[in-house]
Amino acid sequence: MIRSTRHPKRPLGGAVLALAGAAAAKEWRQQAGASTAAALSAAYVAGFAGSHPLAKKVGAWPAVLGVAGGVALASWLAVDRRG
C-alpha cells in the first residue's frame, strides 16, 4: 500500500490561514486603507511561505512564532499604533 506523506490536517490549516488572512485584510483596509492592507497581506503571505524554509533551520515553532510576531509588529506599526 502506498501512503501519502502529506499530513491530513494541512488542508484544514490552509483554510484557517486563508480565513484569518481575509479577516485581517478586511480590518486593515477599514482602518488604514487599501494600500496598507495590500502591503500587510503581502507580508502575511510572505511570512507563511518564508516560515517553511526557516523552520528547517530553527525548528517549526520558533519559525511560526517569529514570523507571526513579525507580521503582528508590522500590523501594529502600520495600523494600530495610530490610535
Protein backbone atom coordinates (compact mmCIF):
# COMPACT_ATOMS: atom_id res chain seq x y z
CA MET A 1 0.00 0.00 0.00
CA ILE A 2 1.29 3.47 -0.90
CA ARG A 3 0.71 6.05 1.77
CA SER A 4 0.73 9.75 1.23
CA THR A 5 3.41 11.66 3.11
CA ARG A 6 1.11 14.65 3.22
CA HIS A 7 -0.27 15.41 6.66
CA PRO A 8 -4.09 15.10 6.71
CA LYS A 9 -4.53 18.35 8.67
CA ARG A 10 -2.71 20.55 6.15
CA PRO A 11 -5.83 21.46 4.12
CA LEU A 12 -7.58 22.47 7.34
CA GLY A 13 -4.58 24.58 8.32
CA GLY A 14 -4.63 26.25 4.91
CA ALA A 15 -8.32 27.05 5.29
CA VAL A 16 -7.72 28.60 8.72
CA LEU A 17 -4.78 30.58 7.32
CA ALA A 18 -6.94 31.90 4.46
CA LEU A 19 -9.86 32.84 6.72
CA ALA A 20 -7.61 34.59 9.23
CA GLY A 21 -5.81 36.43 6.43
CA ALA A 22 -9.09 37.56 4.88
CA ALA A 23 -10.40 38.79 8.23
CA ALA A 24 -7.15 40.64 8.93
CA ALA A 25 -7.11 42.20 5.46
CA LYS A 26 -10.68 43.44 5.89
CA GLU A 27 -9.80 45.04 9.22
CA TRP A 28 -6.60 46.58 7.83
CA ARG A 29 -8.50 48.00 4.85
CA GLN A 30 -11.18 49.53 7.09
CA GLN A 31 -8.69 51.09 9.48
CA ALA A 32 -5.79 52.10 7.24
CA GLY A 33 -6.84 51.88 3.59
CA ALA A 34 -6.34 49.57 0.65
CA SER A 35 -2.62 50.13 0.09
CA THR A 36 -1.73 49.36 3.72
CA ALA A 37 -3.99 46.30 3.63
CA ALA A 38 -2.30 45.09 0.44
CA ALA A 39 1.19 45.57 1.91
CA LEU A 40 0.30 43.77 5.15
CA SER A 41 -1.43 40.98 3.23
CA ALA A 42 1.72 40.52 1.16
CA ALA A 43 3.76 40.34 4.38
CA TYR A 44 1.29 37.77 5.75
CA VAL A 45 1.65 35.53 2.68
CA ALA A 46 5.42 36.03 2.51
CA GLY A 47 5.69 35.15 6.18
CA PHE A 48 3.78 31.93 5.63
CA ALA A 49 5.99 30.99 2.70
CA GLY A 50 9.16 32.04 4.49
CA SER A 51 8.35 30.14 7.65
CA HIS A 52 8.80 26.80 5.88
CA PRO A 53 12.49 27.16 4.96
CA LEU A 54 13.14 28.98 8.23
CA ALA A 55 11.68 26.01 10.14
CA LYS A 56 14.38 23.76 8.68
CA LYS A 57 16.99 25.97 10.36
CA VAL A 58 15.40 26.92 13.68
CA GLY A 59 12.51 24.49 14.15
CA ALA A 60 8.82 24.70 13.39
CA TRP A 61 7.53 26.57 16.43
CA PRO A 62 10.30 29.18 16.55
CA ALA A 63 9.77 29.85 12.84
CA VAL A 64 6.00 30.19 13.17
CA LEU A 65 6.23 32.37 16.27
CA GLY A 66 8.94 34.55 14.75
CA VAL A 67 7.08 35.11 11.50
CA ALA A 68 3.74 35.68 13.25
CA GLY A 69 5.42 38.14 15.61
CA GLY A 70 6.99 39.98 12.68
CA VAL A 71 3.67 40.38 10.87
CA ALA A 72 1.96 41.36 14.13
CA LEU A 73 4.60 44.05 14.71
CA ALA A 74 4.21 45.32 11.14
CA SER A 75 0.43 45.45 11.62
CA TRP A 76 0.76 47.34 14.87
CA LEU A 77 3.18 49.84 13.35
CA ALA A 78 1.10 50.39 10.22
CA VAL A 79 -2.41 50.32 11.70
CA ASP A 80 -2.87 50.06 15.44
CA ARG A 81 -0.20 52.49 16.63
CA ARG A 82 -2.13 55.33 15.04
CA GLY A 83 -4.61 55.07 17.90
